[in-house]
Amino acid sequence: MNTKTLFATALLYPSQLATLAKTAVNTLIVLGSISGFFGNLYNDLTAFAVAMATFFFGWAALLYMTANQNENHRVQARSALYVALSGLALAILAQTIAGLVKGAANGQ
């Protein structure tokens, strides 16, 4: 966009410009602090870890169901299920553990 178009849009739609400016300022405030940045990063990574663990649990369950009579495939699929379940448990418990550590660090 060139500057003429940007200024024309700002003059035609002042309410949208004000909303955009407020959103930009709020974003800078949240991301401007180190703790806000790492808090957002932590929440995003936790959601990603839960999604990945759930996907791999489903994949391992599918492998187990399609193993038929092959005992080697069943053992591999069963171990993949255990690994996926432990990863899912760690992803879910990560926020609880972090909260306990943060509370202990604050002396509560």
PDB file of N, CA and C in Angstrom:
ATOM      1  N   MET A   1       0.835  -1.179   0.000  1.00  0.00           N
ATOM      2  CA  MET A   1       0.000   0.000   0.000  1.00  0.00           C
ATOM      3  C   MET A   1       0.880   1.242   0.000  1.00  0.00           C
ATOM      4  N   ASN A   2       0.475   2.184  -0.787  1.00  0.00           N
ATOM      5  CA  ASN A   2       1.234   3.419  -0.738  1.00  0.00           C
ATOM      6  C   ASN A   2       0.625   4.358   0.301  1.00  0.00           C
ATOM      7  N   THR A   3       1.307   5.431   0.585  1.00  0.00           N
ATOM      8  CA  THR A   3       0.893   6.330   1.672  1.00  0.00           C
ATOM      9  C   THR A   3      -0.405   7.057   1.366  1.00  0.00           C
ATOM     10  N   LYS A   4      -0.657   7.370   0.098  1.00  0.00           N
ATOM     11  CA  LYS A   4      -1.905   8.063  -0.258  1.00  0.00           C
ATOM     12  C   LYS A   4      -3.112   7.179   0.054  1.00  0.00           C
ATOM     13  N   THR A   5      -3.013   5.927  -0.294  1.00  0.00           N
ATOM     14  CA  THR A   5      -4.104   4.997  -0.022  1.00  0.00           C
ATOM     15  C   THR A   5      -4.304   4.825   1.477  1.00  0.00           C
ATOM     16  N   LEU A   6      -3.221   4.744   2.213  1.00  0.00           N
ATOM     17  CA  LEU A   6      -3.295   4.585   3.663  1.00  0.00           C
ATOM     18  C   LEU A   6      -3.957   5.788   4.318  1.00  0.00           C
ATOM     19  N   PHE A   7      -3.574   7.001   3.902  1.00  0.00           N
ATOM     20  CA  PHE A   7      -4.182   8.209   4.465  1.00  0.00           C
ATOM     21  C   PHE A   7      -5.647   8.339   4.063  1.00  0.00           C
ATOM     22  N   ALA A   8      -5.977   7.980   2.833  1.00  0.00           N
ATOM     23  CA  ALA A   8      -7.368   8.053   2.378  1.00  0.00           C
ATOM     24  C   ALA A   8      -8.234   7.079   3.170  1.00  0.00           C
ATOM     25  N   THR A   9      -7.721   5.891   3.406  1.00  0.00           N
ATOM     26  CA  THR A   9      -8.455   4.910   4.192  1.00  0.00           C
ATOM     27  C   THR A   9      -8.628   5.389   5.621  1.00  0.00           C
ATOM     28  N   ALA A  10      -7.612   5.996   6.196  1.00  0.00           N
ATOM     29  CA  ALA A  10      -7.692   6.502   7.572  1.00  0.00           C
ATOM     30  C   ALA A  10      -8.708   7.633   7.682  1.00  0.00           C
ATOM     31  N   LEU A  11      -8.801   8.476   6.636  1.00  0.00           N
ATOM     32  CA  LEU A  11      -9.772   9.573   6.675  1.00  0.00           C
ATOM     33  C   LEU A  11     -11.200   9.082   6.458  1.00  0.00           C
ATOM     34  N   LEU A  12     -11.359   8.054   5.634  1.00  0.00           N
ATOM     35  CA  LEU A  12     -12.702   7.541   5.355  1.00  0.00           C
ATOM     36  C   LEU A  12     -13.253   6.685   6.498  1.00  0.00           C
ATOM     37  N   TYR A  13     -12.389   5.979   7.200  1.00  0.00           N
ATOM     38  CA  TYR A  13     -12.823   5.060   8.258  1.00  0.00           C
ATOM     39  C   TYR A  13     -12.065   5.357   9.558  1.00  0.00           C
ATOM     40  N   PRO A  14     -12.382   6.439  10.243  1.00  0.00           N
ATOM     41  CA  PRO A  14     -11.626   6.784  11.450  1.00  0.00           C
ATOM     42  C   PRO A  14     -11.847   5.807  12.610  1.00  0.00           C
ATOM     43  N   SER A  15     -13.035   5.200  12.684  1.00  0.00           N
ATOM     44  CA  SER A  15     -13.291   4.265  13.794  1.00  0.00           C
ATOM     45  C   SER A  15     -12.435   3.003  13.649  1.00  0.00           C
ATOM     46  N   GLN A  16     -12.268   2.535  12.420  1.00  0.00           N
ATOM     47  CA  GLN A  16     -11.425   1.366  12.199  1.00  0.00           C
ATOM     48  C   GLN A  16      -9.960   1.688  12.482  1.00  0.00           C
ATOM     49  N   LEU A  17      -9.550   2.914  12.176  1.00  0.00           N
ATOM     50  CA  LEU A  17      -8.186   3.328  12.465  1.00  0.00           C
ATOM     51  C   LEU A  17      -7.947   3.370  13.976  1.00  0.00           C
ATOM     52  N   ALA A  18      -8.947   3.883  14.711  1.00  0.00           N
ATOM     53  CA  ALA A  18      -8.807   3.951  16.171  1.00  0.00           C
ATOM     54  C   ALA A  18      -8.742   2.552  16.763  1.00  0.00           C
ATOM     55  N   THR A  19      -9.566   1.649  16.274  1.00  0.00           N
ATOM     56  CA  THR A  19      -9.537   0.261  16.751  1.00  0.00           C
ATOM     57  C   THR A  19      -8.204  -0.401  16.441  1.00  0.00           C
ATOM     58  N   LEU A  20      -7.696  -0.160  15.256  1.00  0.00           N
ATOM     59  CA  LEU A  20      -6.403  -0.717  14.863  1.00  0.00           C
ATOM     60  C   LEU A  20      -5.288  -0.172  15.747  1.00  0.00           C
ATOM     61  N   ALA A  21      -5.339   1.119  16.043  1.00  0.00           N
ATOM     62  CA  ALA A  21      -4.310   1.728  16.894  1.00  0.00           C
ATOM     63  C   ALA A  21      -4.379   1.164  18.310  1.00  0.00           C
ATOM     64  N   LYS A  22      -5.594   0.996  18.857  1.00  0.00           N
ATOM     65  CA  LYS A  22      -5.733   0.420  20.201  1.00  0.00           C
ATOM     66  C   LYS A  22      -5.208  -1.010  20.241  1.00  0.00           C
ATOM     67  N   THR A  23      -5.530  -1.785  19.228  1.00  0.00           N
ATOM     68  CA  THR A  23      -5.053  -3.171  19.168  1.00  0.00           C
ATOM     69  C   THR A  23      -3.535  -3.220  19.085  1.00  0.00           C
ATOM     70  N   ALA A  24      -2.950  -2.343  18.276  1.00  0.00           N
ATOM     71  CA  ALA A  24      -1.491  -2.313  18.144  1.00  0.00           C
ATOM     72  C   ALA A  24      -0.828  -1.933  19.458  1.00  0.00           C
ATOM     73  N   VAL A  25      -1.393  -0.962  20.162  1.00  0.00           N
ATOM     74  CA  VAL A  25      -0.826  -0.542  21.446  1.00  0.00           C
ATOM     75  C   VAL A  25      -0.947  -1.655  22.477  1.00  0.00           C
ATOM     76  N   ASN A  26      -2.107  -2.308  22.538  1.00  0.00           N
ATOM     77  CA  ASN A  26      -2.284  -3.411  23.489  1.00  0.00           C
ATOM     78  C   ASN A  26      -1.340  -4.565  23.184  1.00  0.00           C
ATOM     79  N   THR A  27      -1.133  -4.852  21.918  1.00  0.00           N
ATOM     80  CA  THR A  27      -0.209  -5.914  21.538  1.00  0.00           C
ATOM     81  C   THR A  27       1.214  -5.559  21.950  1.00  0.00           C
ATOM     82  N   LEU A  28       1.602  -4.318  21.736  1.00  0.00           N
ATOM     83  CA  LEU A  28       2.945  -3.903  22.128  1.00  0.00           C
ATOM     84  C   LEU A  28       3.127  -3.945  23.639  1.00  0.00           C
ATOM     85  N   ILE A  29       2.083  -3.626  24.388  1.00  0.00           N
ATOM     86  CA  ILE A  29       2.185  -3.672  25.847  1.00  0.00           C
ATOM     87  C   ILE A  29       2.366  -5.105  26.315  1.00  0.00           C
ATOM     88  N   VAL A  30       1.570  -6.022  25.757  1.00  0.00           N
ATOM     89  CA  VAL A  30       1.656  -7.421  26.174  1.00  0.00           C
ATOM     90  C   VAL A  30       2.983  -8.029  25.750  1.00  0.00           C
ATOM     91  N   LEU A  31       3.362  -7.791  24.500  1.00  0.00           N
ATOM     92  CA  LEU A  31       4.597  -8.384  24.006  1.00  0.00           C
ATOM     93  C   LEU A  31       5.822  -7.583  24.411  1.00  0.00           C
ATOM     94  N   GLY A  32       5.621  -6.377  24.925  1.00  0.00           N
ATOM     95  CA  GLY A  32       6.740  -5.534  25.302  1.00  0.00           C
ATOM     96  C   GLY A  32       7.451  -6.012  26.540  1.00  0.00           C
ATOM     97  N   SER A  33       6.757  -6.722  27.383  1.00  0.00           N
ATOM     98  CA  SER A  33       7.411  -7.199  28.596  1.00  0.00           C
ATOM     99  C   SER A  33       7.953  -8.601  28.358  1.00  0.00           C
ATOM    100  N   ILE A  34       9.036  -8.894  28.993  1.00  0.00           N
ATOM    101  CA  ILE A  34       9.666 -10.211  28.853  1.00  0.00           C
ATOM    102  C   ILE A  34       8.753 -11.302  29.404  1.00  0.00           C
ATOM    103  N   SER A  35       8.155 -11.049  30.561  1.00  0.00           N
ATOM    104  CA  SER A  35       7.294 -12.069  31.152  1.00  0.00           C
ATOM    105  C   SER A  35       6.052 -12.314  30.301  1.00  0.00           C
ATOM    106  N   GLY A  36       5.514 -11.258  29.667  1.00  0.00           N
ATOM    107  CA  GLY A  36       4.371 -11.437  28.775  1.00  0.00           C
ATOM    108  C   GLY A  36       4.734 -12.265  27.561  1.00  0.00           C
ATOM    109  N   PHE A  37       5.915 -12.002  27.016  1.00  0.00           N
ATOM    110  CA  PHE A  37       6.362 -12.775  25.857  1.00  0.00           C
ATOM    111  C   PHE A  37       6.515 -14.249  26.199  1.00  0.00           C
ATOM    112  N   PHE A  38       7.209 -14.543  27.313  1.00  0.00           N
ATOM    113  CA  PHE A  38       7.417 -15.938  27.672  1.00  0.00           C
ATOM    114  C   PHE A  38       6.137 -16.607  28.142  1.00  0.00           C
ATOM    115  N   GLY A  39       5.234 -15.839  28.729  1.00  0.00           N
ATOM    116  CA  GLY A  39       3.938 -16.399  29.096  1.00  0.00           C
ATOM    117  C   GLY A  39       3.151 -16.826  27.872  1.00  0.00           C
ATOM    118  N   ASN A  40       3.127 -15.966  26.862  1.00  0.00           N
ATOM    119  CA  ASN A  40       2.443 -16.313  25.616  1.00  0.00           C
ATOM    120  C   ASN A  40       3.119 -17.487  24.918  1.00  0.00           C
ATOM    121  N   LEU A  41       4.447 -17.472  24.903  1.00  0.00           N
ATOM    122  CA  LEU A  41       5.189 -18.567  24.286  1.00  0.00           C
ATOM    123  C   LEU A  41       4.906 -19.884  24.994  1.00  0.00           C
ATOM    124  N   TYR A  42       4.889 -19.852  26.313  1.00  0.00           N
ATOM    125  CA  TYR A  42       4.619 -21.061  27.093  1.00  0.00           C
ATOM    126  C   TYR A  42       3.222 -21.600  26.805  1.00  0.00           C
ATOM    127  N   ASN A  43       2.224 -20.735  26.763  1.00  0.00           N
ATOM    128  CA  ASN A  43       0.855 -21.183  26.492  1.00  0.00           C
ATOM    129  C   ASN A  43       0.727 -21.768  25.089  1.00  0.00           C
ATOM    130  N   ASP A  44       1.383 -21.144  24.116  1.00  0.00           N
ATOM    131  CA  ASP A  44       1.327 -21.655  22.752  1.00  0.00           C
ATOM    132  C   ASP A  44       2.025 -23.000  22.626  1.00  0.00           C
ATOM    133  N   LEU A  45       3.181 -23.129  23.270  1.00  0.00           N
ATOM    134  CA  LEU A  45       3.904 -24.406  23.204  1.00  0.00           C
ATOM    135  C   LEU A  45       3.163 -25.521  23.930  1.00  0.00           C
ATOM    136  N   THR A  46       2.479 -25.190  25.009  1.00  0.00           N
ATOM    137  CA  THR A  46       1.694 -26.203  25.719  1.00  0.00           C
ATOM    138  C   THR A  46       0.546 -26.689  24.838  1.00  0.00           C
ATOM    139  N   ALA A  47      -0.131 -25.773  24.179  1.00  0.00           N
ATOM    140  CA  ALA A  47      -1.220 -26.172  23.276  1.00  0.00           C
ATOM    141  C   ALA A  47      -0.687 -27.024  22.132  1.00  0.00           C
ATOM    142  N   PHE A  48       0.473 -26.658  21.596  1.00  0.00           N
ATOM    143  CA  PHE A  48       1.082 -27.444  20.528  1.00  0.00           C
ATOM    144  C   PHE A  48       1.453 -28.841  21.015  1.00  0.00           C
ATOM    145  N   ALA A  49       2.011 -28.935  22.227  1.00  0.00           N
ATOM    146  CA  ALA A  49       2.410 -30.239  22.762  1.00  0.00           C
ATOM    147  C   ALA A  49       1.198 -31.141  22.992  1.00  0.00           C
ATOM    148  N   VAL A  50       0.110 -30.575  23.486  1.00  0.00           N
ATOM    149  CA  VAL A  50      -1.106 -31.370  23.691  1.00  0.00           C
ATOM    150  C   VAL A  50      -1.645 -31.849  22.349  1.00  0.00           C
ATOM    151  N   ALA A  51      -1.641 -30.980  21.351  1.00  0.00           N
ATOM    152  CA  ALA A  51      -2.136 -31.375  20.026  1.00  0.00           C
ATOM    153  C   ALA A  51      -1.274 -32.478  19.417  1.00  0.00           C
ATOM    154  N   MET A  52       0.040 -32.351  19.524  1.00  0.00           N
ATOM    155  CA  MET A  52       0.928 -33.368  18.954  1.00  0.00           C
ATOM    156  C   MET A  52       0.798 -34.696  19.690  1.00  0.00           C
ATOM    157  N   ALA A  53       0.716 -34.648  21.010  1.00  0.00           N
ATOM    158  CA  ALA A  53       0.580 -35.889  21.784  1.00  0.00           C
ATOM    159  C   ALA A  53      -0.736 -36.585  21.458  1.00  0.00           C
ATOM    160  N   THR A  54      -1.793 -35.820  21.273  1.00  0.00           N
ATOM    161  CA  THR A  54      -3.083 -36.405  20.912  1.00  0.00           C
ATOM    162  C   THR A  54      -3.022 -37.038  19.528  1.00  0.00           C
ATOM    163  N   PHE A  55      -2.368 -36.359  18.597  1.00  0.00           N
ATOM    164  CA  PHE A  55      -2.218 -36.922  17.254  1.00  0.00           C
ATOM    165  C   PHE A  55      -1.446 -38.237  17.296  1.00  0.00           C
ATOM    166  N   PHE A  56      -0.327 -38.264  18.012  1.00  0.00           N
ATOM    167  CA  PHE A  56       0.468 -39.487  18.045  1.00  0.00           C
ATOM    168  C   PHE A  56      -0.214 -40.600  18.823  1.00  0.00           C
ATOM    169  N   PHE A  57      -1.043 -40.255  19.790  1.00  0.00           N
ATOM    170  CA  PHE A  57      -1.831 -41.283  20.465  1.00  0.00           C
ATOM    171  C   PHE A  57      -2.818 -41.920  19.490  1.00  0.00           C
ATOM    172  N   GLY A  58      -3.480 -41.098  18.693  1.00  0.00           N
ATOM    173  CA  GLY A  58      -4.404 -41.629  17.685  1.00  0.00           C
ATOM    174  C   GLY A  58      -3.686 -42.469  16.641  1.00  0.00           C
ATOM    175  N   TRP A  59      -2.519 -42.015  16.231  1.00  0.00           N
ATOM    176  CA  TRP A  59      -1.725 -42.768  15.246  1.00  0.00           C
ATOM    177  C   TRP A  59      -1.300 -44.121  15.815  1.00  0.00           C
ATOM    178  N   ALA A  60      -0.838 -44.148  17.051  1.00  0.00           N
ATOM    179  CA  ALA A  60      -0.423 -45.408  17.678  1.00  0.00           C
ATOM    180  C   ALA A  60      -1.618 -46.338  17.866  1.00  0.00           C
ATOM    181  N   ALA A  61      -2.776 -45.792  18.196  1.00  0.00           N
ATOM    182  CA  ALA A  61      -3.974 -46.620  18.327  1.00  0.00           C
ATOM    183  C   ALA A  61      -4.352 -47.230  16.979  1.00  0.00           C
ATOM    184  N   LEU A  62      -4.229 -46.455  15.914  1.00  0.00           N
ATOM    185  CA  LEU A  62      -4.499 -46.982  14.582  1.00  0.00           C
ATOM    186  C   LEU A  62      -3.508 -48.091  14.224  1.00  0.00           C
ATOM    187  N   LEU A  63      -2.240 -47.901  14.547  1.00  0.00           N
ATOM    188  CA  LEU A  63      -1.248 -48.947  14.298  1.00  0.00           C
ATOM    189  C   LEU A  63      -1.568 -50.211  15.087  1.00  0.00           C
ATOM    190  N   TYR A  64      -2.027 -50.063  16.312  1.00  0.00           N
ATOM    191  CA  TYR A  64      -2.356 -51.222  17.139  1.00  0.00           C
ATOM    192  C   TYR A  64      -3.561 -51.966  16.573  1.00  0.00           C
ATOM    193  N   MET A  65      -4.552 -51.210  16.091  1.00  0.00           N
ATOM    194  CA  MET A  65      -5.749 -51.855  15.548  1.00  0.00           C
ATOM    195  C   MET A  65      -5.469 -52.583  14.240  1.00  0.00           C
ATOM    196  N   THR A  66      -4.512 -52.114  13.477  1.00  0.00           N
ATOM    197  CA  THR A  66      -4.218 -52.739  12.188  1.00  0.00           C
ATOM    198  C   THR A  66      -3.070 -53.745  12.263  1.00  0.00           C
ATOM    199  N   ALA A  67      -2.606 -54.080  13.465  1.00  0.00           N
ATOM    200  CA  ALA A  67      -1.482 -55.003  13.593  1.00  0.00           C
ATOM    201  C   ALA A  67      -1.874 -56.443  13.275  1.00  0.00           C
ATOM    202  N   ASN A  68      -3.153 -56.784  13.376  1.00  0.00           N
ATOM    203  CA  ASN A  68      -3.666 -58.131  13.112  1.00  0.00           C
ATOM    204  C   ASN A  68      -2.946 -59.166  13.972  1.00  0.00           C
ATOM    205  N   GLN A  69      -2.399 -60.209  13.368  1.00  0.00           N
ATOM    206  CA  GLN A  69      -1.772 -61.295  14.116  1.00  0.00           C
ATOM    207  C   GLN A  69      -0.254 -61.148  14.236  1.00  0.00           C
ATOM    208  N   ASN A  70       0.318 -60.085  13.693  1.00  0.00           N
ATOM    209  CA  ASN A  70       1.759 -59.887  13.738  1.00  0.00           C
ATOM    210  C   ASN A  70       2.159 -59.365  15.119  1.00  0.00           C
ATOM    211  N   GLU A  71       2.831 -60.218  15.879  1.00  0.00           N
ATOM    212  CA  GLU A  71       3.166 -59.874  17.265  1.00  0.00           C
ATOM    213  C   GLU A  71       4.187 -58.739  17.343  1.00  0.00           C
ATOM    214  N   ASN A  72       5.121 -58.669  16.403  1.00  0.00           N
ATOM    215  CA  ASN A  72       6.113 -57.589  16.413  1.00  0.00           C
ATOM    216  C   ASN A  72       5.448 -56.222  16.228  1.00  0.00           C
ATOM    217  N   HIS A  73       4.490 -56.147  15.331  1.00  0.00           N
ATOM    218  CA  HIS A  73       3.784 -54.886  15.104  1.00  0.00           C
ATOM    219  C   HIS A  73       2.956 -54.501  16.328  1.00  0.00           C
ATOM    220  N   ARG A  74       2.376 -55.505  16.976  1.00  0.00           N
ATOM    221  CA  ARG A  74       1.581 -55.224  18.171  1.00  0.00           C
ATOM    222  C   ARG A  74       2.458 -54.676  19.291  1.00  0.00           C
ATOM    223  N   VAL A  75       3.639 -55.238  19.464  1.00  0.00           N
ATOM    224  CA  VAL A  75       4.544 -54.765  20.516  1.00  0.00           C
ATOM    225  C   VAL A  75       5.005 -53.344  20.211  1.00  0.00           C
ATOM    226  N   GLN A  76       5.365 -53.080  18.958  1.00  0.00           N
ATOM    227  CA  GLN A  76       5.784 -51.730  18.584  1.00  0.00           C
ATOM    228  C   GLN A  76       4.647 -50.726  18.752  1.00  0.00           C
ATOM    229  N   ALA A  77       3.448 -51.114  18.370  1.00  0.00           N
ATOM    230  CA  ALA A  77       2.302 -50.216  18.506  1.00  0.00           C
ATOM    231  C   ALA A  77       1.974 -49.980  19.981  1.00  0.00           C
ATOM    232  N   ARG A  78       2.094 -51.020  20.801  1.00  0.00           N
ATOM    233  CA  ARG A  78       1.826 -50.867  22.231  1.00  0.00           C
ATOM    234  C   ARG A  78       2.843 -49.937  22.880  1.00  0.00           C
ATOM    235  N   SER A  79       4.113 -50.057  22.509  1.00  0.00           N
ATOM    236  CA  SER A  79       5.119 -49.152  23.078  1.00  0.00           C
ATOM    237  C   SER A  79       4.888 -47.720  22.582  1.00  0.00           C
ATOM    238  N   ALA A  80       4.456 -47.558  21.335  1.00  0.00           N
ATOM    239  CA  ALA A  80       4.134 -46.226  20.826  1.00  0.00           C
ATOM    240  C   ALA A  80       2.939 -45.636  21.579  1.00  0.00           C
ATOM    241  N   LEU A  81       1.979 -46.476  21.949  1.00  0.00           N
ATOM    242  CA  LEU A  81       0.843 -46.000  22.748  1.00  0.00           C
ATOM    243  C   LEU A  81       1.310 -45.514  24.118  1.00  0.00           C
ATOM    244  N   TYR A  82       2.195 -46.260  24.750  1.00  0.00           N
ATOM    245  CA  TYR A  82       2.702 -45.855  26.063  1.00  0.00           C
ATOM    246  C   TYR A  82       3.473 -44.527  25.976  1.00  0.00           C
ATOM    247  N   VAL A  83       4.283 -44.389  24.946  1.00  0.00           N
ATOM    248  CA  VAL A  83       5.059 -43.156  24.776  1.00  0.00           C
ATOM    249  C   VAL A  83       4.122 -41.976  24.517  1.00  0.00           C
ATOM    250  N   ALA A  84       3.114 -42.185  23.681  1.00  0.00           N
ATOM    251  CA  ALA A  84       2.162 -41.111  23.384  1.00  0.00           C
ATOM    252  C   ALA A  84       1.358 -40.730  24.622  1.00  0.00           C
ATOM    253  N   LEU A  85       0.958 -41.717  25.415  1.00  0.00           N
ATOM    254  CA  LEU A  85       0.221 -41.430  26.642  1.00  0.00           C
ATOM    255  C   LEU A  85       1.080 -40.680  27.653  1.00  0.00           C
ATOM    256  N   SER A  86       2.335 -41.060  27.780  1.00  0.00           N
ATOM    257  CA  SER A  86       3.202 -40.347  28.718  1.00  0.00           C
ATOM    258  C   SER A  86       3.472 -38.922  28.230  1.00  0.00           C
ATOM    259  N   GLY A  87       3.621 -38.732  26.920  1.00  0.00           N
ATOM    260  CA  GLY A  87       3.777 -37.385  26.378  1.00  0.00           C
ATOM    261  C   GLY A  87       2.534 -36.541  26.586  1.00  0.00           C
ATOM    262  N   LEU A  88       1.368 -37.142  26.439  1.00  0.00           N
ATOM    263  CA  LEU A  88       0.113 -36.423  26.674  1.00  0.00           C
ATOM    264  C   LEU A  88      -0.014 -36.039  28.143  1.00  0.00           C
ATOM    265  N   ALA A  89       0.348 -36.956  29.031  1.00  0.00           N
ATOM    266  CA  ALA A  89       0.289 -36.649  30.465  1.00  0.00           C
ATOM    267  C   ALA A  89       1.256 -35.520  30.824  1.00  0.00           C
ATOM    268  N   LEU A  90       2.465 -35.557  30.273  1.00  0.00           N
ATOM    269  CA  LEU A  90       3.424 -34.484  30.544  1.00  0.00           C
ATOM    270  C   LEU A  90       2.947 -33.141  29.999  1.00  0.00           C
ATOM    271  N   ALA A  91       2.339 -33.160  28.819  1.00  0.00           N
ATOM    272  CA  ALA A  91       1.849 -31.914  28.233  1.00  0.00           C
ATOM    273  C   ALA A  91       0.708 -31.332  29.066  1.00  0.00           C
ATOM    274  N   ILE A  92      -0.155 -32.191  29.579  1.00  0.00           N
ATOM    275  CA  ILE A  92      -1.271 -31.713  30.390  1.00  0.00           C
ATOM    276  C   ILE A  92      -0.791 -31.240  31.757  1.00  0.00           C
ATOM    277  N   LEU A  93       0.150 -31.966  32.333  1.00  0.00           N
ATOM    278  CA  LEU A  93       0.634 -31.612  33.669  1.00  0.00           C
ATOM    279  C   LEU A  93       1.670 -30.492  33.671  1.00  0.00           C
ATOM    280  N   ALA A  94       2.116 -30.062  32.517  1.00  0.00           N
ATOM    281  CA  ALA A  94       3.179 -29.058  32.457  1.00  0.00           C
ATOM    282  C   ALA A  94       2.763 -27.759  33.133  1.00  0.00           C
ATOM    283  N   GLN A  95       1.543 -27.317  32.901  1.00  0.00           N
ATOM    284  CA  GLN A  95       1.111 -26.068  33.518  1.00  0.00           C
ATOM    285  C   GLN A  95       0.956 -26.218  35.028  1.00  0.00           C
ATOM    286  N   THR A  96       0.511 -27.369  35.476  1.00  0.00           N
ATOM    287  CA  THR A  96       0.386 -27.594  36.916  1.00  0.00           C
ATOM    288  C   THR A  96       1.752 -27.584  37.583  1.00  0.00           C
ATOM    289  N   ILE A  97       2.696 -28.266  36.972  1.00  0.00           N
ATOM    290  CA  ILE A  97       4.044 -28.315  37.536  1.00  0.00           C
ATOM    291  C   ILE A  97       4.680 -26.927  37.529  1.00  0.00           C
ATOM    292  N   ALA A  98       4.496 -26.192  36.435  1.00  0.00           N
ATOM    293  CA  ALA A  98       5.047 -24.835  36.354  1.00  0.00           C
ATOM    294  C   ALA A  98       4.403 -23.920  37.397  1.00  0.00           C
ATOM    295  N   GLY A  99       3.108 -24.083  37.630  1.00  0.00           N
ATOM    296  CA  GLY A  99       2.435 -23.302  38.655  1.00  0.00           C
ATOM    297  C   GLY A  99       2.955 -23.607  40.035  1.00  0.00           C
ATOM    298  N   LEU A 100       3.232 -24.882  40.317  1.00  0.00           N
ATOM    299  CA  LEU A 100       3.800 -25.263  41.620  1.00  0.00           C
ATOM    300  C   LEU A 100       5.188 -24.672  41.805  1.00  0.00           C
ATOM    301  N   VAL A 101       5.994 -24.746  40.765  1.00  0.00           N
ATOM    302  CA  VAL A 101       7.350 -24.205  40.845  1.00  0.00           C
ATOM    303  C   VAL A 101       7.309 -22.677  41.017  1.00  0.00           C
ATOM    304  N   LYS A 102       6.423 -22.019  40.271  1.00  0.00           N
ATOM    305  CA  LYS A 102       6.321 -20.568  40.371  1.00  0.00           C
ATOM    306  C   LYS A 102       5.814 -20.153  41.753  1.00  0.00           C
ATOM    307  N   GLY A 103       4.864 -20.902  42.310  1.00  0.00           N
ATOM    308  CA  GLY A 103       4.374 -20.620  43.657  1.00  0.00           C
ATOM    309  C   GLY A 103       5.456 -20.828  44.714  1.00  0.00           C
ATOM    310  N   ALA A 104       6.268 -21.871  44.539  1.00  0.00           N
ATOM    311  CA  ALA A 104       7.351 -22.120  45.475  1.00  0.00           C
ATOM    312  C   ALA A 104       8.421 -21.043  45.360  1.00  0.00           C
ATOM    313  N   ALA A 105       8.670 -20.564  44.147  1.00  0.00           N
ATOM    314  CA  ALA A 105       9.672 -19.517  43.969  1.00  0.00           C
ATOM    315  C   ALA A 105       9.215 -18.188  44.580  1.00  0.00           C
ATOM    316  N   ASN A 106       7.891 -17.951  44.563  1.00  0.00           N
ATOM    317  CA  ASN A 106       7.367 -16.737  45.157  1.00  0.00           C
ATOM    318  C   ASN A 106       7.195 -16.854  46.679  1.00  0.00           C
ATOM    319  N   GLY A 107       7.381 -18.040  47.206  1.00  0.00           N
ATOM    320  CA  GLY A 107       7.266 -18.251  48.645  1.00  0.00           C
ATOM    321  C   GLY A 107       5.856 -18.459  49.120  1.00  0.00           C
ATOM    322  N   GLN A 108       4.989 -18.950  48.277  1.00  0.00           N
ATOM    323  CA  GLN A 108       3.596 -19.179  48.662  1.00  0.00           C
ATOM    324  C   GLN A 108       3.340 -20.634  48.930  1.00  0.00           C
TER     325      GLN A 108
END
